[in-house]
Amino acid sequence: MVDTSERVTVRIPQELLEKLKAIQQSKGTPTISDTIREGLDRYADMNLPPPNIRKVVVDLSRQDNRQLEEFVRDGNSVSVDDAVRSAVREFIRSRVEHAGSVIGRGRREGDTLAASEGTAPP
């Protein structure tokens, strides 16, 4: 097996190293290097997404995050990212259908969907 990686030396503050060790332990990553590589992969993915995709970063409460992780553990989704993508797609689909049904019922030009716009997702 040919090793195509390159060694890079980086100095990081002790506080960051401790955070990385905590991540390593919580995720069960074999080494700090593996943890750092995974973090760099995610950083690169977030900052260099494919041209047809726009990344959106969402801050969730710990409770919401725990519920999403439990949802994934129960086999309802392959990952938290996938669960969030699916929820957003479904929310958009339902809003588009709702807007179409309102328009289909003869909404007059100039009327607005004020009741449905600006409301929080379910």
Protein backbone atom coordinates (compact mmCIF):
# COMPACT_ATOMS: atom_id res chain seq x y z
CA MET A 1 0.00 0.00 0.00
CA VAL A 2 1.41 3.36 -1.05
CA ASP A 3 1.17 6.18 1.49
CA THR A 4 0.13 9.29 -0.44
CA SER A 5 -0.22 11.48 2.62
CA GLU A 6 2.16 14.24 3.58
CA ARG A 7 3.27 15.15 7.08
CA VAL A 8 2.36 18.65 8.21
CA THR A 9 3.47 20.06 11.54
CA VAL A 10 1.07 22.46 13.23
CA ARG A 11 1.31 24.12 16.62
CA ILE A 12 -2.01 24.40 18.44
CA PRO A 13 -2.87 25.85 21.85
CA GLN A 14 -3.15 23.40 24.75
CA GLU A 15 -6.84 24.28 25.18
CA LEU A 16 -7.59 23.21 21.60
CA LEU A 17 -5.59 20.00 22.07
CA GLU A 18 -7.71 19.17 25.12
CA LYS A 19 -10.88 19.74 23.10
CA LEU A 20 -9.55 17.46 20.37
CA LYS A 21 -8.76 14.76 22.93
CA ALA A 22 -12.30 15.03 24.29
CA ILE A 23 -13.68 14.65 20.74
CA GLN A 24 -11.38 11.68 20.15
CA GLN A 25 -12.65 9.96 23.28
CA SER A 26 -16.33 10.73 22.67
CA LYS A 27 -16.22 9.56 19.05
CA GLY A 28 -13.85 6.66 19.70
CA THR A 29 -11.39 7.85 17.06
CA PRO A 30 -8.18 5.77 17.23
CA THR A 31 -5.73 8.69 17.28
CA ILE A 32 -5.58 12.47 17.60
CA SER A 33 -4.29 12.54 14.01
CA ASP A 34 -7.45 10.74 12.84
CA THR A 35 -9.57 13.23 14.78
CA ILE A 36 -7.73 16.17 13.21
CA ARG A 37 -8.00 14.64 9.70
CA GLU A 38 -11.75 14.18 10.17
CA GLY A 39 -12.08 17.79 11.33
CA LEU A 40 -10.06 19.05 8.37
CA ASP A 41 -12.19 16.97 5.97
CA ARG A 42 -15.35 18.55 7.40
CA TYR A 43 -13.79 22.01 7.26
CA ALA A 44 -12.85 21.52 3.60
CA ASP A 45 -16.33 20.16 2.77
CA MET A 46 -17.99 23.15 4.42
CA ASN A 47 -15.77 25.66 2.68
CA LEU A 48 -15.51 23.94 -0.71
CA PRO A 49 -18.92 22.38 -1.40
CA PRO A 50 -19.74 21.15 -4.92
CA PRO A 51 -20.90 24.02 -7.16
CA ASN A 52 -24.52 22.78 -7.19
CA ILE A 53 -24.78 22.67 -3.38
CA ARG A 54 -24.90 25.44 -0.81
CA LYS A 55 -23.99 24.50 2.74
CA VAL A 56 -26.09 25.89 5.55
CA VAL A 57 -24.90 25.70 9.14
CA VAL A 58 -27.63 25.40 11.76
CA ASP A 59 -27.12 25.85 15.49
CA LEU A 60 -29.36 23.49 17.45
CA SER A 61 -30.03 23.29 21.14
CA ARG A 62 -28.52 20.33 22.95
CA GLN A 63 -32.00 18.88 23.39
CA ASP A 64 -32.80 19.11 19.67
CA ASN A 65 -29.41 17.64 18.81
CA ARG A 66 -29.95 14.74 21.26
CA GLN A 67 -33.37 14.07 19.75
CA LEU A 68 -31.89 14.03 16.25
CA GLU A 69 -29.11 11.68 17.34
CA GLU A 70 -31.70 9.37 18.95
CA PHE A 71 -33.75 9.52 15.75
CA VAL A 72 -30.67 8.34 13.83
CA ARG A 73 -29.80 5.64 16.41
CA ASP A 74 -33.35 4.29 16.10
CA GLY A 75 -32.68 3.75 12.40
CA ASN A 76 -34.96 6.50 11.10
CA SER A 77 -32.16 8.16 9.14
CA VAL A 78 -28.58 7.40 8.15
CA SER A 79 -27.19 10.55 9.76
CA VAL A 80 -28.19 13.75 11.53
CA ASP A 81 -27.28 15.68 8.36
CA ASP A 82 -29.56 13.45 6.29
CA ALA A 83 -32.42 13.81 8.80
CA VAL A 84 -32.14 17.61 8.70
CA ARG A 85 -31.96 17.64 4.87
CA SER A 86 -35.05 15.42 4.68
CA ALA A 87 -36.95 17.60 7.15
CA VAL A 88 -36.10 20.77 5.22
CA ARG A 89 -37.11 19.19 1.88
CA GLU A 90 -40.43 18.00 3.37
CA PHE A 91 -41.09 21.40 4.94
CA ILE A 92 -40.45 23.19 1.63
CA ARG A 93 -42.56 20.66 -0.31
CA SER A 94 -45.51 21.12 2.07
CA ARG A 95 -45.22 24.92 1.91
CA VAL A 96 -45.11 24.88 -1.91
CA GLU A 97 -48.15 22.56 -2.00
CA HIS A 98 -49.98 24.83 0.46
CA ALA A 99 -49.17 27.91 -1.61
CA GLY A 100 -50.35 26.10 -4.75
CA SER A 101 -53.65 25.12 -3.14
CA VAL A 102 -54.28 28.70 -1.97
CA ILE A 103 -53.56 29.99 -5.48
CA GLY A 104 -55.71 27.21 -6.93
CA ARG A 105 -58.69 28.32 -4.80
CA GLY A 106 -58.75 31.64 -6.65
CA ARG A 107 -56.53 33.87 -4.62
CA ARG A 108 -56.75 37.34 -6.08
CA GLU A 109 -53.65 39.01 -7.45
CA GLY A 110 -52.10 41.13 -4.73
CA ASP A 111 -53.32 38.92 -1.88
CA THR A 112 -50.57 37.59 0.34
CA LEU A 113 -49.87 34.43 2.23
CA ALA A 114 -49.19 36.38 5.39
CA ALA A 115 -50.67 33.67 7.58
CA SER A 116 -48.26 31.03 6.28
CA GLU A 117 -45.23 33.21 5.69
CA GLY A 118 -43.02 33.90 8.64
CA THR A 119 -44.42 31.10 10.74
CA ALA A 120 -42.02 28.74 12.42
CA PRO A 121 -41.63 25.24 10.99
CA PRO A 122 -43.56 22.51 12.82
